[in-house]
C-alpha atoms as a PDB file:
ATOM      1  CA  UNK A   1     129.317 108.505 114.903  1.00  0.00           C
ATOM      2  CA  UNK A   2     125.838 109.764 114.273  1.00  0.00           C
ATOM      3  CA  UNK A   3     123.243 108.659 111.840  1.00  0.00           C
ATOM      4  CA  UNK A   4     122.789 110.170 108.400  1.00  0.00           C
ATOM      5  CA  UNK A   5     119.784 112.176 109.612  1.00  0.00           C
ATOM      6  CA  UNK A   6     121.733 113.662 112.520  1.00  0.00           C
ATOM      7  CA  UNK A   7     124.660 114.532 110.269  1.00  0.00           C
ATOM      8  CA  UNK A   8     122.327 116.071 107.695  1.00  0.00           C
ATOM      9  CA  UNK A   9     120.514 118.157 110.294  1.00  0.00           C
ATOM     10  CA  UNK A  10     123.810 119.355 111.727  1.00  0.00           C
ATOM     11  CA  UNK A  11     124.918 120.365 108.229  1.00  0.00           C
ATOM     12  CA  UNK A  12     121.696 122.314 107.681  1.00  0.00           C
ATOM     13  CA  UNK A  13     122.080 124.078 111.022  1.00  0.00           C
ATOM     14  CA  UNK A  14     125.692 125.005 110.263  1.00  0.00           C
ATOM     15  CA  UNK A  15     124.728 126.375 106.834  1.00  0.00           C
ATOM     16  CA  UNK A  16     121.946 128.469 108.392  1.00  0.00           C
ATOM     17  CA  UNK A  17     124.338 129.850 111.007  1.00  0.00           C
ATOM     18  CA  UNK A  18     126.838 130.676 108.242  1.00  0.00           C
ATOM     19  CA  UNK A  19     124.135 132.472 106.239  1.00  0.00           C
ATOM     20  CA  UNK A  20     123.045 134.512 109.261  1.00  0.00           C
ATOM     21  CA  UNK A  21     126.651 135.441 110.088  1.00  0.00           C
ATOM     22  CA  UNK A  22     127.413 136.480 106.511  1.00  0.00           C
ATOM     23  CA  UNK A  23     124.173 138.459 106.325  1.00  0.00           C
ATOM     24  CA  UNK A  24     125.052 140.351 109.511  1.00  0.00           C
ATOM     25  CA  UNK A  25     128.573 140.997 108.230  1.00  0.00           C
ATOM     26  CA  UNK A  26     127.178 142.223 104.911  1.00  0.00           C
ATOM     27  CA  UNK A  27     124.783 144.594 106.672  1.00  0.00           C
ATOM     28  CA  UNK A  28     127.646 146.057 108.725  1.00  0.00           C
ATOM     29  CA  UNK A  29     129.745 146.614 105.607  1.00  0.00           C
ATOM     30  CA  UNK A  30     126.794 148.221 103.788  1.00  0.00           C
ATOM     31  CA  UNK A  31     126.119 150.576 106.721  1.00  0.00           C
ATOM     32  CA  UNK A  32     129.768 151.660 106.714  1.00  0.00           C
ATOM     33  CA  UNK A  33     129.468 152.115 102.922  1.00  0.00           C
ATOM     34  CA  UNK A  34     132.400 149.798 102.201  1.00  0.00           C
ATOM     35  CA  UNK A  35     130.374 147.664  99.784  1.00  0.00           C
ATOM     36  CA  UNK A  36     127.036 147.994  98.052  1.00  0.00           C
ATOM     37  CA  UNK A  37     124.037 145.936  99.069  1.00  0.00           C
ATOM     38  CA  UNK A  38     124.099 144.158  95.714  1.00  0.00           C
ATOM     39  CA  UNK A  39     127.754 143.134  96.103  1.00  0.00           C
ATOM     40  CA  UNK A  40     127.061 141.914  99.637  1.00  0.00           C
ATOM     41  CA  UNK A  41     124.120 139.806  98.463  1.00  0.00           C
ATOM     42  CA  UNK A  42     126.134 138.375  95.563  1.00  0.00           C
ATOM     43  CA  UNK A  43     129.004 137.486  97.905  1.00  0.00           C
ATOM     44  CA  UNK A  44     126.748 135.686 100.367  1.00  0.00           C
ATOM     45  CA  UNK A  45     125.038 133.704  97.620  1.00  0.00           C
ATOM     46  CA  UNK A  46     128.407 132.794  96.072  1.00  0.00           C
ATOM     47  CA  UNK A  47     129.733 131.455  99.379  1.00  0.00           C
ATOM     48  CA  UNK A  48     126.558 129.469 100.053  1.00  0.00           C
ATOM     49  CA  UNK A  49     126.619 128.112  96.489  1.00  0.00           C
ATOM     50  CA  UNK A  50     130.246 127.049  96.973  1.00  0.00           C
ATOM     51  CA  UNK A  51     129.341 125.180 100.176  1.00  0.00           C
ATOM     52  CA  UNK A  52     126.316 123.489  98.602  1.00  0.00           C
ATOM     53  CA  UNK A  53     128.262 122.312  95.544  1.00  0.00           C
ATOM     54  CA  UNK A  54     131.222 121.145  97.641  1.00  0.00           C
ATOM     55  CA  UNK A  55     129.175 119.131 100.123  1.00  0.00           C
ATOM     56  CA  UNK A  56     126.607 117.778  97.653  1.00  0.00           C
ATOM     57  CA  UNK A  57     129.261 116.574  95.213  1.00  0.00           C
ATOM     58  CA  UNK A  58     129.592 113.332  97.184  1.00  0.00           C
ATOM     59  CA  UNK A  59     126.024 112.394  96.260  1.00  0.00           C
ATOM     60  CA  UNK A  60     126.574 113.243  92.592  1.00  0.00           C
ATOM     61  CA  UNK A  61     129.995 111.610  92.154  1.00  0.00           C
ATOM     62  CA  UNK A  62     129.206 108.440  94.152  1.00  0.00           C
ATOM     63  CA  UNK A  63     132.918 107.945  94.845  1.00  0.00           C
ATOM     64  CA  UNK A  64     134.755 107.331  98.126  1.00  0.00           C
ATOM     65  CA  UNK A  65     135.885 110.609  99.722  1.00  0.00           C
ATOM     66  CA  UNK A  66     139.369 109.244 100.448  1.00  0.00           C
ATOM     67  CA  UNK A  67     140.753 109.848  96.969  1.00  0.00           C
ATOM     68  CA  UNK A  68     142.686 113.119  96.727  1.00  0.00           C
ATOM     69  CA  UNK A  69     141.751 113.503  93.062  1.00  0.00           C
ATOM     70  CA  UNK A  70     138.049 113.360  93.911  1.00  0.00           C
ATOM     71  CA  UNK A  71     138.531 115.999  96.605  1.00  0.00           C
ATOM     72  CA  UNK A  72     140.313 118.224  94.081  1.00  0.00           C
ATOM     73  CA  UNK A  73     137.489 117.768  91.580  1.00  0.00           C
ATOM     74  CA  UNK A  74     134.939 118.672  94.262  1.00  0.00           C
ATOM     75  CA  UNK A  75     136.861 121.796  95.267  1.00  0.00           C
ATOM     76  CA  UNK A  76     137.445 123.003  91.713  1.00  0.00           C
ATOM     77  CA  UNK A  77     133.844 122.379  90.681  1.00  0.00           C
ATOM     78  CA  UNK A  78     132.648 124.399  93.671  1.00  0.00           C
ATOM     79  CA  UNK A  79     135.038 127.254  92.847  1.00  0.00           C
ATOM     80  CA  UNK A  80     133.971 127.258  89.197  1.00  0.00           C
ATOM     81  CA  UNK A  81     130.275 127.130  90.119  1.00  0.00           C
ATOM     82  CA  UNK A  82     130.525 130.012  92.592  1.00  0.00           C
ATOM     83  CA  UNK A  83     132.685 132.004  90.173  1.00  0.00           C
ATOM     84  CA  UNK A  84     130.225 131.496  87.327  1.00  0.00           C
ATOM     85  CA  UNK A  85     127.411 132.752  89.561  1.00  0.00           C
ATOM     86  CA  UNK A  86     129.494 135.780  90.595  1.00  0.00           C
ATOM     87  CA  UNK A  87     130.258 136.725  86.976  1.00  0.00           C
ATOM     88  CA  UNK A  88     126.736 135.967  85.714  1.00  0.00           C
ATOM     89  CA  UNK A  89     125.049 138.063  88.412  1.00  0.00           C
ATOM     90  CA  UNK A  90     126.934 141.282  87.590  1.00  0.00           C
ATOM     91  CA  UNK A  91     124.846 144.106  86.251  1.00  0.00           C
END
């Protein structure tokens, strides 16, 4: 088991890798004209927002992560947050 700093840094690195991968995937889809650049950007931000809400909910809730109800609340709050961003960002 690592320290909190090591775990936090690993989480940041994984999020950055995910963002770079999704950005590259979005650029490929835009070049093939399957999606617009705006939809690609909104999708990437929604996924990152979902991950941030899901993983930061432990700090906000201050509850043990072993309760299935808490995990369900975390998941649903992340889905609702990302969905609200997706709907709000439409033009």
